Amino acid sequence: MGAFVLVALLALLAAVLLGGLLLARLWQQREERGIEKKWQERERLLDRRPPTAPRRDILRRRVRSVRRASRW
């Protein structure tokens, strides 16, 4: 009877430890996903910002660079 109780307690302890390890891994994955989502949201918001130069200046620079390239 004593050996049976000891084996049962060891099995219970092993199950609790394995459960704890699995929960720790799931918690870590959840935190990593949360951090990744925050970075993606930040990058999305940064990409939505208007350009720093006015549109006509950007277009003017592009036209100027095309003219220089066509001279060669």
N, C-alpha and C. Protein backbone atom coordinates (compact mmCIF):
# COMPACT_ATOMS: atom_id res chain seq x y z
N MET A 1 0.82 -1.19 0.00
CA MET A 1 0.00 0.00 0.00
C MET A 1 0.87 1.27 0.00
N GLY A 2 1.95 1.25 0.75
CA GLY A 2 2.83 2.41 0.83
C GLY A 2 3.54 2.70 -0.48
N ALA A 3 3.93 1.64 -1.19
CA ALA A 3 4.61 1.82 -2.48
C ALA A 3 3.64 2.41 -3.51
N PHE A 4 2.38 1.99 -3.44
CA PHE A 4 1.37 2.51 -4.37
C PHE A 4 1.17 4.01 -4.17
N VAL A 5 1.11 4.44 -2.92
CA VAL A 5 0.93 5.86 -2.60
C VAL A 5 2.14 6.66 -3.08
N LEU A 6 3.33 6.11 -2.88
CA LEU A 6 4.55 6.79 -3.31
C LEU A 6 4.58 6.95 -4.83
N VAL A 7 4.21 5.90 -5.56
CA VAL A 7 4.17 5.96 -7.03
C VAL A 7 3.11 6.96 -7.49
N ALA A 8 1.98 6.98 -6.82
CA ALA A 8 0.91 7.91 -7.19
C ALA A 8 1.36 9.35 -6.95
N LEU A 9 2.03 9.59 -5.84
CA LEU A 9 2.52 10.94 -5.55
C LEU A 9 3.59 11.37 -6.56
N LEU A 10 4.48 10.45 -6.92
CA LEU A 10 5.49 10.77 -7.93
C LEU A 10 4.86 11.07 -9.29
N ALA A 11 3.85 10.30 -9.66
CA ALA A 11 3.15 10.55 -10.92
C ALA A 11 2.44 11.90 -10.89
N LEU A 12 1.83 12.23 -9.76
CA LEU A 12 1.17 13.52 -9.62
C LEU A 12 2.17 14.66 -9.70
N LEU A 13 3.31 14.50 -9.04
CA LEU A 13 4.35 15.52 -9.09
C LEU A 13 4.88 15.70 -10.52
N ALA A 14 5.09 14.60 -11.22
CA ALA A 14 5.57 14.68 -12.60
C ALA A 14 4.53 15.37 -13.49
N ALA A 15 3.26 15.07 -13.29
CA ALA A 15 2.20 15.69 -14.09
C ALA A 15 2.15 17.20 -13.83
N VAL A 16 2.30 17.59 -12.57
CA VAL A 16 2.27 19.02 -12.23
C VAL A 16 3.47 19.73 -12.84
N LEU A 17 4.64 19.12 -12.76
CA LEU A 17 5.84 19.74 -13.34
C LEU A 17 5.72 19.86 -14.85
N LEU A 18 5.25 18.81 -15.51
CA LEU A 18 5.08 18.89 -16.97
C LEU A 18 4.04 19.94 -17.35
N GLY A 19 2.97 19.98 -16.60
CA GLY A 19 1.94 21.01 -16.86
C GLY A 19 2.50 22.41 -16.69
N GLY A 20 3.32 22.60 -15.66
CA GLY A 20 3.94 23.90 -15.43
C GLY A 20 4.87 24.29 -16.57
N LEU A 21 5.64 23.32 -17.05
CA LEU A 21 6.54 23.60 -18.17
C LEU A 21 5.77 23.96 -19.43
N LEU A 22 4.69 23.23 -19.69
CA LEU A 22 3.88 23.52 -20.87
C LEU A 22 3.21 24.88 -20.76
N LEU A 23 2.71 25.21 -19.57
CA LEU A 23 2.10 26.53 -19.38
C LEU A 23 3.12 27.65 -19.54
N ALA A 24 4.34 27.43 -19.04
CA ALA A 24 5.39 28.45 -19.19
C ALA A 24 5.71 28.68 -20.65
N ARG A 25 5.78 27.59 -21.43
CA ARG A 25 6.07 27.72 -22.86
C ARG A 25 4.94 28.46 -23.58
N LEU A 26 3.69 28.11 -23.24
CA LEU A 26 2.55 28.80 -23.86
C LEU A 26 2.55 30.28 -23.49
N TRP A 27 2.86 30.60 -22.25
CA TRP A 27 2.89 31.99 -21.80
C TRP A 27 3.97 32.76 -22.56
N GLN A 28 5.12 32.15 -22.74
CA GLN A 28 6.21 32.81 -23.47
C GLN A 28 5.81 33.06 -24.92
N GLN A 29 5.19 32.08 -25.57
CA GLN A 29 4.76 32.25 -26.95
C GLN A 29 3.72 33.36 -27.05
N ARG A 30 2.83 33.42 -26.07
CA ARG A 30 1.79 34.46 -26.08
C ARG A 30 2.42 35.84 -25.94
N GLU A 31 3.40 35.97 -25.06
CA GLU A 31 4.08 37.26 -24.90
C GLU A 31 4.83 37.65 -26.17
N GLU A 32 5.50 36.68 -26.80
CA GLU A 32 6.22 36.98 -28.03
C GLU A 32 5.27 37.42 -29.13
N ARG A 33 4.12 36.75 -29.23
CA ARG A 33 3.12 37.16 -30.23
C ARG A 33 2.61 38.56 -29.94
N GLY A 34 2.39 38.86 -28.67
CA GLY A 34 1.92 40.20 -28.30
C GLY A 34 2.93 41.27 -28.66
N ILE A 35 4.20 40.99 -28.41
CA ILE A 35 5.26 41.94 -28.75
C ILE A 35 5.34 42.12 -30.26
N GLU A 36 5.24 41.00 -31.00
CA GLU A 36 5.29 41.08 -32.46
C GLU A 36 4.12 41.89 -33.01
N LYS A 37 2.94 41.69 -32.44
CA LYS A 37 1.77 42.46 -32.89
C LYS A 37 1.95 43.94 -32.61
N LYS A 38 2.52 44.27 -31.44
CA LYS A 38 2.77 45.69 -31.13
C LYS A 38 3.73 46.31 -32.13
N TRP A 39 4.81 45.58 -32.50
CA TRP A 39 5.76 46.11 -33.47
C TRP A 39 5.12 46.27 -34.84
N GLN A 40 4.30 45.30 -35.24
CA GLN A 40 3.62 45.40 -36.53
C GLN A 40 2.69 46.60 -36.55
N GLU A 41 1.97 46.81 -35.45
CA GLU A 41 1.07 47.96 -35.36
C GLU A 41 1.86 49.26 -35.42
N ARG A 42 3.00 49.30 -34.73
CA ARG A 42 3.84 50.50 -34.76
C ARG A 42 4.35 50.78 -36.17
N GLU A 43 4.82 49.73 -36.84
CA GLU A 43 5.32 49.91 -38.20
C GLU A 43 4.20 50.34 -39.14
N ARG A 44 3.01 49.79 -38.94
CA ARG A 44 1.87 50.16 -39.78
C ARG A 44 1.54 51.64 -39.59
N LEU A 45 1.55 52.09 -38.34
CA LEU A 45 1.26 53.50 -38.06
C LEU A 45 2.35 54.41 -38.63
N LEU A 46 3.61 53.97 -38.54
CA LEU A 46 4.69 54.78 -39.10
C LEU A 46 4.60 54.83 -40.62
N ASP A 47 4.17 53.75 -41.25
CA ASP A 47 4.05 53.74 -42.71
C ASP A 47 2.91 54.63 -43.18
N ARG A 48 1.93 54.88 -42.33
CA ARG A 48 0.79 55.70 -42.73
C ARG A 48 1.08 57.19 -42.66
N ARG A 49 2.20 57.55 -42.04
CA ARG A 49 2.53 58.97 -41.93
C ARG A 49 2.77 59.57 -43.32
N PRO A 50 2.42 60.84 -43.48
CA PRO A 50 2.68 61.47 -44.78
C PRO A 50 4.18 61.64 -44.99
N PRO A 51 4.61 61.76 -46.24
CA PRO A 51 6.05 61.96 -46.50
C PRO A 51 6.51 63.28 -45.90
N THR A 52 7.79 63.38 -45.61
CA THR A 52 8.32 64.59 -44.97
C THR A 52 8.41 65.75 -45.96
N ALA A 53 8.60 65.46 -47.22
CA ALA A 53 8.67 66.52 -48.24
C ALA A 53 7.33 66.63 -48.94
N PRO A 54 6.98 67.83 -49.41
CA PRO A 54 5.73 67.97 -50.17
C PRO A 54 5.78 67.13 -51.45
N ARG A 55 4.63 66.74 -51.93
CA ARG A 55 4.53 65.87 -53.10
C ARG A 55 5.21 66.48 -54.33
N ARG A 56 5.04 67.78 -54.55
CA ARG A 56 5.63 68.39 -55.74
C ARG A 56 7.15 68.36 -55.70
N ASP A 57 7.74 68.47 -54.48
CA ASP A 57 9.20 68.37 -54.38
C ASP A 57 9.68 66.97 -54.71
N ILE A 58 8.94 65.97 -54.26
CA ILE A 58 9.31 64.59 -54.56
C ILE A 58 9.23 64.35 -56.06
N LEU A 59 8.15 64.79 -56.68
CA LEU A 59 7.99 64.61 -58.12
C LEU A 59 9.07 65.37 -58.89
N ARG A 60 9.41 66.56 -58.43
CA ARG A 60 10.43 67.36 -59.10
C ARG A 60 11.78 66.65 -59.04
N ARG A 61 12.10 66.05 -57.89
CA ARG A 61 13.36 65.32 -57.76
C ARG A 61 13.38 64.11 -58.68
N ARG A 62 12.25 63.43 -58.80
CA ARG A 62 12.20 62.26 -59.68
C ARG A 62 12.40 62.67 -61.13
N VAL A 63 11.76 63.75 -61.55
CA VAL A 63 11.90 64.20 -62.93
C VAL A 63 13.34 64.61 -63.20
N ARG A 64 13.96 65.29 -62.25
CA ARG A 64 15.34 65.72 -62.40
C ARG A 64 16.27 64.51 -62.54
N SER A 65 16.05 63.48 -61.74
CA SER A 65 16.92 62.31 -61.81
C SER A 65 16.71 61.55 -63.11
N VAL A 66 15.49 61.54 -63.65
CA VAL A 66 15.23 60.87 -64.93
C VAL A 66 15.92 61.62 -66.06
N ARG A 67 15.90 62.95 -66.01
CA ARG A 67 16.57 63.74 -67.04
C ARG A 67 18.07 63.48 -67.02
N ARG A 68 18.65 63.40 -65.82
CA ARG A 68 20.09 63.13 -65.74
C ARG A 68 20.42 61.76 -66.30
N ALA A 69 19.60 60.79 -66.03
CA ALA A 69 19.85 59.43 -66.51
C ALA A 69 19.70 59.36 -68.03
N SER A 70 18.81 60.17 -68.60
CA SER A 70 18.60 60.09 -70.03
C SER A 70 19.73 60.76 -70.81
N ARG A 71 20.52 61.63 -70.19
CA ARG A 71 21.64 62.28 -70.86
C ARG A 71 22.71 61.29 -71.23
N TRP A 72 22.88 60.27 -70.44
CA TRP A 72 23.95 59.31 -70.69
C TRP A 72 23.56 58.47 -71.81
